[in-house]
N, C-alpha and C. Protein backbone atom coordinates (compact mmCIF):
# COMPACT_ATOMS: atom_id res chain seq x y z
N GLN A 1 97.87 117.75 75.26
CA GLN A 1 97.59 117.36 75.94
C GLN A 1 99.35 116.27 76.28
N GLU A 2 99.94 115.83 75.25
CA GLU A 2 101.20 114.73 75.56
C GLU A 2 101.35 115.98 76.58
N ARG A 3 102.03 116.75 75.81
CA ARG A 3 103.09 118.77 77.15
C ARG A 3 102.74 118.35 78.45
N HIS A 4 100.88 118.69 78.56
CA HIS A 4 100.39 118.58 80.06
C HIS A 4 100.93 117.12 80.70
N VAL A 5 100.63 116.79 80.01
CA VAL A 5 101.07 114.60 81.24
C VAL A 5 102.62 115.08 81.55
N ARG A 6 103.01 115.39 80.36
CA ARG A 6 104.81 114.87 80.40
C ARG A 6 105.37 116.14 82.09
N GLU A 7 104.56 117.47 82.23
CA GLU A 7 104.94 118.04 82.87
C GLU A 7 104.07 117.70 84.20
N MET A 8 103.07 116.94 84.71
CA MET A 8 102.86 116.57 85.30
C MET A 8 103.76 115.37 85.73
N THR A 9 103.62 114.55 85.03
CA THR A 9 104.92 113.17 85.82
C THR A 9 106.05 113.64 86.12
N ASN A 10 106.56 115.09 85.09
CA ASN A 10 107.71 115.12 86.31
C ASN A 10 107.42 116.04 87.75
N TRP A 11 106.51 115.89 87.45
CA TRP A 11 105.94 117.31 88.69
C TRP A 11 105.81 116.14 90.22
N LEU A 12 105.56 115.44 89.76
CA LEU A 12 105.15 114.09 90.49
C LEU A 12 106.30 113.09 90.74
N VAL A 13 107.36 113.24 89.89
CA VAL A 13 108.93 112.93 90.54
C VAL A 13 109.17 113.20 91.06
N ALA A 14 109.55 114.75 90.88
CA ALA A 14 110.04 115.50 91.79
C ALA A 14 109.42 115.35 92.93
N LYS A 15 108.12 115.67 93.54
CA LYS A 15 107.28 115.53 94.95
C LYS A 15 107.79 113.83 95.14
N ASN A 16 107.18 113.09 94.80
CA ASN A 16 108.24 111.44 94.56
C ASN A 16 109.93 112.22 96.19
N LYS A 17 110.33 112.42 94.95
CA LYS A 17 112.40 112.35 95.76
C LYS A 17 111.87 113.54 96.76
N GLU A 18 111.26 113.73 96.77
CA GLU A 18 111.06 115.20 97.91
C GLU A 18 110.75 114.21 98.54
N ILE A 19 109.74 113.49 98.66
CA ILE A 19 109.58 113.26 100.25
C ILE A 19 110.15 111.88 100.79
N GLU A 20 111.13 111.59 100.02
CA GLU A 20 111.38 110.36 99.94
C GLU A 20 113.44 110.87 100.95
N ALA A 21 113.48 112.31 99.99
CA ALA A 21 115.10 112.45 100.86
C ALA A 21 114.11 112.62 102.55
N SER A 22 112.80 113.33 102.42
CA SER A 22 112.48 113.57 103.24
C SER A 22 112.54 112.53 104.76
N VAL A 23 111.68 111.40 104.38
CA VAL A 23 111.92 110.20 105.04
C VAL A 23 113.05 110.10 105.17
N ASN A 24 114.29 109.87 103.99
CA ASN A 24 115.34 109.31 105.00
C ASN A 24 116.34 110.86 105.59
N ASP A 25 116.07 111.54 105.60
CA ASP A 25 116.16 112.99 106.35
C ASP A 25 115.88 112.02 107.56
N MET A 26 114.00 112.50 108.07
CA MET A 26 113.37 111.96 109.52
C MET A 26 114.52 110.49 110.18
N LEU A 27 114.48 109.86 109.58
CA LEU A 27 115.51 107.85 109.72
C LEU A 27 116.24 108.43 110.09
N ALA A 28 117.33 109.59 109.34
CA ALA A 28 118.36 109.57 109.63
C ALA A 28 118.76 110.46 111.22
N VAL A 29 117.79 111.58 111.58
CA VAL A 29 117.36 112.32 112.73
C VAL A 29 117.54 111.32 113.73
N ILE A 30 116.45 110.06 113.72
CA ILE A 30 115.69 109.18 114.10
C ILE A 30 117.42 108.32 115.23
N VAL A 31 117.87 107.66 113.71
CA VAL A 31 118.70 107.30 114.27
C VAL A 31 120.17 107.42 114.57
N SER A 32 120.71 109.13 114.59
CA SER A 32 121.54 109.34 115.08
C SER A 32 121.14 110.42 116.58
N PHE A 33 119.73 109.81 117.22
CA PHE A 33 119.48 110.65 118.23
C PHE A 33 120.17 109.46 119.47
N PRO A 34 121.33 110.77 119.79
CA PRO A 34 121.38 110.06 121.12
C PRO A 34 120.75 109.72 122.38
N LEU A 35 120.76 107.76 122.77
CA LEU A 35 119.48 107.40 123.52
C LEU A 35 120.89 106.64 124.74
N ASP A 36 120.09 106.85 125.47
CA ASP A 36 121.35 105.84 127.17
C ASP A 36 121.45 104.30 126.27
N SER A 37 122.01 104.12 127.19
CA SER A 37 122.62 102.60 127.07
C SER A 37 121.92 101.82 127.70
N HIS A 38 120.52 101.82 128.53
CA HIS A 38 120.11 101.01 128.42
C HIS A 38 118.37 100.29 127.88
N ILE A 39 118.63 101.80 126.84
CA ILE A 39 117.90 101.90 124.97
C ILE A 39 118.14 101.22 123.98
N ARG A 40 117.50 100.32 123.69
CA ARG A 40 117.97 100.00 122.68
C ARG A 40 118.11 100.45 121.03
N GLY A 41 118.41 100.86 120.66
CA GLY A 41 118.38 101.06 119.42
C GLY A 41 117.63 101.04 117.95
N ILE A 42 117.70 101.99 117.08
CA ILE A 42 116.52 101.35 115.98
C ILE A 42 117.21 100.11 115.25
N SER A 43 116.65 99.17 114.98
CA SER A 43 116.83 98.05 114.40
C SER A 43 116.89 98.32 112.55
N GLU A 44 117.70 98.33 112.26
CA GLU A 44 117.24 98.30 110.27
C GLU A 44 116.21 97.44 109.88
N SER A 45 115.52 96.87 110.30
CA SER A 45 114.43 96.35 109.77
C SER A 45 112.97 96.62 109.45
N GLU A 46 113.05 97.69 111.07
CA GLU A 46 112.38 98.76 111.49
C GLU A 46 112.82 99.76 110.19
N ILE A 47 113.81 100.06 109.78
CA ILE A 47 113.57 101.24 108.92
C ILE A 47 113.38 101.03 107.88
N ILE A 48 112.86 99.76 107.90
CA ILE A 48 112.49 99.47 106.00
C ILE A 48 111.28 99.55 106.32
N LYS A 49 110.91 98.97 107.06
CA LYS A 49 109.40 98.83 107.81
C LYS A 49 108.22 100.33 107.21
N VAL A 50 109.46 101.50 108.05
CA VAL A 50 109.32 103.39 108.19
C VAL A 50 108.34 103.44 106.13
N LYS A 51 110.23 103.30 105.84
CA LYS A 51 109.87 103.20 104.32
C LYS A 51 109.32 102.30 103.97
N ALA A 52 109.01 101.26 103.56
CA ALA A 52 107.84 100.78 102.98
C ALA A 52 106.38 101.39 103.30
N HIS A 53 106.78 101.83 104.39
CA HIS A 53 105.03 102.65 105.00
C HIS A 53 104.93 103.43 103.62
N TYR A 54 105.35 104.72 103.77
CA TYR A 54 105.89 106.09 102.61
C TYR A 54 105.95 105.50 101.79
N ASN A 55 106.58 104.35 101.39
CA ASN A 55 106.08 103.41 99.60
C ASN A 55 105.17 103.56 99.51
N TRP A 56 103.79 102.74 100.28
CA TRP A 56 103.17 102.12 99.86
C TRP A 56 101.91 103.31 100.45
N SER A 57 102.44 104.16 101.02
CA SER A 57 101.32 105.40 101.22
C SER A 57 101.12 106.13 99.99
N MET A 58 102.75 106.09 99.17
CA MET A 58 102.52 106.71 97.74
C MET A 58 101.66 106.01 96.63
N TYR A 59 101.69 105.38 96.50
CA TYR A 59 101.55 104.36 95.39
C TYR A 59 99.64 104.31 95.57
N GLN A 60 99.15 104.21 97.32
CA GLN A 60 98.25 104.23 97.49
C GLN A 60 97.25 105.45 96.99
N SER A 61 98.09 106.91 97.61
CA SER A 61 97.91 108.13 96.82
C SER A 61 97.59 108.20 95.55
N LEU A 62 98.81 107.59 94.60
CA LEU A 62 98.42 107.57 93.34
C LEU A 62 97.77 106.86 93.05
N LEU A 63 97.37 105.53 92.68
CA LEU A 63 96.45 105.35 92.30
C LEU A 63 94.82 105.71 92.49
N ALA A 64 95.11 105.91 93.85
CA ALA A 64 93.53 107.03 94.08
C ALA A 64 93.65 107.92 92.66
N ALA A 65 94.30 109.19 92.87
CA ALA A 65 94.52 109.61 92.00
C ALA A 65 94.58 109.27 90.06
N THR A 66 95.30 108.60 89.96
CA THR A 66 94.72 107.77 88.75
C THR A 66 93.20 107.59 88.44
N LYS A 67 92.90 106.85 89.09
CA LYS A 67 91.31 106.20 89.80
C LYS A 67 90.18 107.35 89.48
N ARG A 68 90.31 108.42 89.82
CA ARG A 68 89.31 109.88 90.08
C ARG A 68 89.09 110.13 88.73
N SER A 69 90.96 110.04 88.18
CA SER A 69 90.65 110.54 87.22
C SER A 69 90.43 110.35 85.77
N LEU A 70 90.59 108.81 86.14
CA LEU A 70 89.47 107.73 84.97
C LEU A 70 88.12 107.84 85.04
N CYS A 71 87.61 108.13 85.83
CA CYS A 71 86.20 108.23 86.50
C CYS A 71 86.31 108.94 85.84
N ARG A 72 86.40 110.15 86.15
CA ARG A 72 85.90 111.82 85.71
C ARG A 72 86.15 111.76 83.82
N VAL A 73 86.92 111.40 83.41
CA VAL A 73 87.10 111.07 81.95
C VAL A 73 86.02 110.28 81.44
N LYS A 74 85.64 109.22 82.33
CA LYS A 74 84.49 108.08 81.65
C LYS A 74 83.58 108.80 81.84
N ASP A 75 83.13 109.63 82.76
CA ASP A 75 81.85 110.08 82.51
C ASP A 75 81.92 111.57 81.83
N ARG A 76 83.04 112.42 81.46
CA ARG A 76 82.80 113.19 80.44
C ARG A 76 82.87 112.30 78.76
N LEU A 77 83.39 111.13 79.06
CA LEU A 77 82.72 110.54 77.70
C LEU A 77 81.31 109.90 77.22
N SER A 78 80.96 109.98 78.66
CA SER A 78 79.50 108.90 78.62
C SER A 78 78.89 109.32 78.87
N ALA A 79 78.40 111.06 78.83
CA ALA A 79 77.44 112.44 79.14
C ALA A 79 76.24 111.98 78.25
N ARG A 80 75.27 112.02 79.28
CA ARG A 80 74.52 111.50 78.01
C ARG A 80 73.50 113.01 78.83
N LEU A 81 72.22 112.52 77.37
CA LEU A 81 71.52 114.20 76.89
C LEU A 81 70.49 114.13 78.44
N LEU A 82 69.87 114.90 78.83
CA LEU A 82 68.69 114.90 79.68
C LEU A 82 67.68 114.35 79.02
N PRO A 83 66.64 114.28 79.98
CA PRO A 83 65.35 114.47 79.00
C PRO A 83 64.89 115.21 79.61
N ASP A 84 64.20 115.74 78.30
CA ASP A 84 63.26 116.76 77.99
C ASP A 84 62.55 116.57 78.90
């Protein structure tokens, strides 16, 4: 079981890094896109907001998965016998 937890942790870390790299790539494309002179470029604060949004979304996903997993463990541990 510890090996499985370690493997899943490594998988989640890899996925997190993959998503982070994708967000950075997306932002690089957006920032480097040529704009007309009368259009204001993207600000550093907007880039920070986008990264914060993806970080928050990742946190919420992990929290939901953890809660779901703990509820299933609780259900298994507190299984009740059905009445005859």
